[in-house]
């Protein structure tokens, strides 16, 4: 009985560890700038299916200026999507969450 209880506890503790692994997703869309210039501007990704994500390109070292230069191009972006909670909408966030950019390539 004691071994069963220990195994049960280990199993229950391991579920969040394995379930939280976020897989890269590839989406196609365009970069757009949101907010009011010059202070509150931030980058977003608008996908071809109409979803809007706040774009986090810090992992690959792209600045806002570099992202703004990519406006108008269709991009194939790979990264992790962090869904936003319904009550967690802040000033610099878009409706479908945050897209953490890992890589991209131009399609046009």
C-alpha atoms as a PDB file:
ATOM      1  CA  UNK A   1       0.000   0.000   0.000  1.00  0.00           C
ATOM      2  CA  UNK A   2       2.839   2.382   0.851  1.00  0.00           C
ATOM      3  CA  UNK A   3       4.569   1.709  -2.498  1.00  0.00           C
ATOM      4  CA  UNK A   4       1.313   2.309  -4.335  1.00  0.00           C
ATOM      5  CA  UNK A   5       0.860   5.653  -2.574  1.00  0.00           C
ATOM      6  CA  UNK A   6       4.428   6.716  -3.373  1.00  0.00           C
ATOM      7  CA  UNK A   7       4.003   5.761  -7.042  1.00  0.00           C
ATOM      8  CA  UNK A   8       0.709   7.627  -7.195  1.00  0.00           C
ATOM      9  CA  UNK A   9       2.292  10.783  -5.767  1.00  0.00           C
ATOM     10  CA  UNK A  10       5.234  10.578  -8.186  1.00  0.00           C
ATOM     11  CA  UNK A  11       2.872  10.057 -11.113  1.00  0.00           C
ATOM     12  CA  UNK A  12       0.641  12.987 -10.133  1.00  0.00           C
ATOM     13  CA  UNK A  13       3.651  15.270  -9.698  1.00  0.00           C
ATOM     14  CA  UNK A  14       5.054  14.250 -13.093  1.00  0.00           C
ATOM     15  CA  UNK A  15       1.884  15.025 -15.067  1.00  0.00           C
ATOM     16  CA  UNK A  16       2.327  18.839 -15.113  1.00  0.00           C
ATOM     17  CA  UNK A  17       5.996  18.455 -16.029  1.00  0.00           C
ATOM     18  CA  UNK A  18       5.259  16.429 -19.151  1.00  0.00           C
ATOM     19  CA  UNK A  19       2.004  18.172 -20.044  1.00  0.00           C
ATOM     20  CA  UNK A  20       3.521  21.660 -19.949  1.00  0.00           C
ATOM     21  CA  UNK A  21       5.982  21.001 -22.765  1.00  0.00           C
ATOM     22  CA  UNK A  22       5.141  23.606 -25.381  1.00  0.00           C
ATOM     23  CA  UNK A  23       5.709  22.585 -28.950  1.00  0.00           C
ATOM     24  CA  UNK A  24       6.682  24.950 -31.714  1.00  0.00           C
ATOM     25  CA  UNK A  25       3.873  25.960 -33.993  1.00  0.00           C
ATOM     26  CA  UNK A  26       4.272  27.368 -37.489  1.00  0.00           C
ATOM     27  CA  UNK A  27       1.937  30.141 -38.628  1.00  0.00           C
ATOM     28  CA  UNK A  28       1.825  32.339 -41.709  1.00  0.00           C
ATOM     29  CA  UNK A  29       1.101  36.033 -41.373  1.00  0.00           C
ATOM     30  CA  UNK A  30       2.354  39.595 -41.360  1.00  0.00           C
ATOM     31  CA  UNK A  31       4.014  41.770 -38.752  1.00  0.00           C
ATOM     32  CA  UNK A  32       2.091  44.872 -37.753  1.00  0.00           C
ATOM     33  CA  UNK A  33       2.842  47.638 -35.284  1.00  0.00           C
ATOM     34  CA  UNK A  34       0.219  48.468 -32.670  1.00  0.00           C
ATOM     35  CA  UNK A  35      -0.117  51.237 -30.102  1.00  0.00           C
ATOM     36  CA  UNK A  36       0.463  54.961 -30.292  1.00  0.00           C
ATOM     37  CA  UNK A  37       3.780  56.381 -31.437  1.00  0.00           C
ATOM     38  CA  UNK A  38       6.328  57.209 -30.204  1.00  0.00           C
ATOM     39  CA  UNK A  39       6.059  55.632 -26.749  1.00  0.00           C
ATOM     40  CA  UNK A  40       3.598  52.731 -26.697  1.00  0.00           C
ATOM     41  CA  UNK A  41       4.396  50.965 -29.971  1.00  0.00           C
ATOM     42  CA  UNK A  42       4.716  47.182 -29.952  1.00  0.00           C
ATOM     43  CA  UNK A  43       4.909  44.483 -32.606  1.00  0.00           C
ATOM     44  CA  UNK A  44       2.174  42.014 -33.343  1.00  0.00           C
ATOM     45  CA  UNK A  45       1.701  39.094 -35.674  1.00  0.00           C
ATOM     46  CA  UNK A  46      -1.538  38.964 -37.681  1.00  0.00           C
ATOM     47  CA  UNK A  47      -1.987  35.511 -39.168  1.00  0.00           C
ATOM     48  CA  UNK A  48      -3.703  34.644 -42.428  1.00  0.00           C
ATOM     49  CA  UNK A  49      -6.602  33.151 -40.469  1.00  0.00           C
ATOM     50  CA  UNK A  50      -7.200  36.427 -38.600  1.00  0.00           C
ATOM     51  CA  UNK A  51      -5.551  35.705 -35.242  1.00  0.00           C
ATOM     52  CA  UNK A  52      -3.583  38.480 -33.561  1.00  0.00           C
ATOM     53  CA  UNK A  53      -0.628  37.747 -31.307  1.00  0.00           C
ATOM     54  CA  UNK A  54       1.685  40.079 -29.452  1.00  0.00           C
ATOM     55  CA  UNK A  55       5.086  39.292 -30.941  1.00  0.00           C
ATOM     56  CA  UNK A  56       8.011  38.489 -28.638  1.00  0.00           C
ATOM     57  CA  UNK A  57      11.188  38.304 -30.740  1.00  0.00           C
ATOM     58  CA  UNK A  58      13.632  38.680 -27.856  1.00  0.00           C
ATOM     59  CA  UNK A  59      14.783  35.040 -28.083  1.00  0.00           C
ATOM     60  CA  UNK A  60      16.244  35.628 -31.533  1.00  0.00           C
ATOM     61  CA  UNK A  61      17.415  39.170 -30.758  1.00  0.00           C
ATOM     62  CA  UNK A  62      15.204  41.214 -33.093  1.00  0.00           C
ATOM     63  CA  UNK A  63      14.522  44.792 -32.052  1.00  0.00           C
ATOM     64  CA  UNK A  64      11.348  46.759 -32.733  1.00  0.00           C
ATOM     65  CA  UNK A  65      13.133  48.606 -35.546  1.00  0.00           C
ATOM     66  CA  UNK A  66      14.116  45.327 -37.206  1.00  0.00           C
ATOM     67  CA  UNK A  67      10.579  43.997 -36.835  1.00  0.00           C
ATOM     68  CA  UNK A  68       9.098  47.162 -38.319  1.00  0.00           C
ATOM     69  CA  UNK A  69      11.331  46.699 -41.381  1.00  0.00           C
ATOM     70  CA  UNK A  70       9.602  43.337 -41.947  1.00  0.00           C
ATOM     71  CA  UNK A  71       6.130  44.911 -42.162  1.00  0.00           C
ATOM     72  CA  UNK A  72       4.349  44.167 -45.411  1.00  0.00           C
ATOM     73  CA  UNK A  73       6.062  40.827 -46.009  1.00  0.00           C
ATOM     74  CA  UNK A  74       4.321  37.498 -45.622  1.00  0.00           C
ATOM     75  CA  UNK A  75       6.324  35.487 -43.100  1.00  0.00           C
ATOM     76  CA  UNK A  76       6.316  31.859 -42.058  1.00  0.00           C
ATOM     77  CA  UNK A  77       6.971  32.038 -38.326  1.00  0.00           C
ATOM     78  CA  UNK A  78       7.849  29.208 -35.958  1.00  0.00           C
ATOM     79  CA  UNK A  79       7.515  29.650 -32.232  1.00  0.00           C
ATOM     80  CA  UNK A  80       5.534  29.054 -29.100  1.00  0.00           C
ATOM     81  CA  UNK A  81       2.063  30.420 -28.503  1.00  0.00           C
ATOM     82  CA  UNK A  82       1.222  31.521 -24.982  1.00  0.00           C
ATOM     83  CA  UNK A  83      -2.538  31.855 -24.761  1.00  0.00           C
ATOM     84  CA  UNK A  84      -3.803  34.797 -22.806  1.00  0.00           C
ATOM     85  CA  UNK A  85      -6.248  34.402 -19.987  1.00  0.00           C
ATOM     86  CA  UNK A  86      -9.574  36.181 -20.491  1.00  0.00           C
ATOM     87  CA  UNK A  87      -8.967  38.687 -17.699  1.00  0.00           C
ATOM     88  CA  UNK A  88      -5.271  39.183 -18.459  1.00  0.00           C
ATOM     89  CA  UNK A  89      -5.575  41.682 -21.311  1.00  0.00           C
ATOM     90  CA  UNK A  90      -3.070  44.460 -20.728  1.00  0.00           C
ATOM     91  CA  UNK A  91      -2.150  47.604 -22.646  1.00  0.00           C
ATOM     92  CA  UNK A  92       0.434  45.943 -24.883  1.00  0.00           C
ATOM     93  CA  UNK A  93      -1.314  42.657 -25.591  1.00  0.00           C
ATOM     94  CA  UNK A  94      -3.431  41.354 -28.415  1.00  0.00           C
ATOM     95  CA  UNK A  95      -6.507  39.159 -28.242  1.00  0.00           C
ATOM     96  CA  UNK A  96      -5.056  35.730 -29.021  1.00  0.00           C
ATOM     97  CA  UNK A  97      -1.979  35.777 -26.767  1.00  0.00           C
ATOM     98  CA  UNK A  98       1.768  36.044 -27.244  1.00  0.00           C
ATOM     99  CA  UNK A  99       3.759  34.450 -30.048  1.00  0.00           C
ATOM    100  CA  UNK A 100       7.346  33.802 -28.920  1.00  0.00           C
ATOM    101  CA  UNK A 101       9.275  33.853 -32.186  1.00  0.00           C
ATOM    102  CA  UNK A 102      11.977  31.206 -32.621  1.00  0.00           C
ATOM    103  CA  UNK A 103      12.558  31.546 -36.362  1.00  0.00           C
ATOM    104  CA  UNK A 104      11.013  33.026 -39.474  1.00  0.00           C
ATOM    105  CA  UNK A 105      11.393  33.060 -43.233  1.00  0.00           C
ATOM    106  CA  UNK A 106       9.905  35.273 -45.907  1.00  0.00           C
ATOM    107  CA  UNK A 107       7.366  33.729 -48.243  1.00  0.00           C
ATOM    108  CA  UNK A 108       7.196  36.529 -50.829  1.00  0.00           C
END
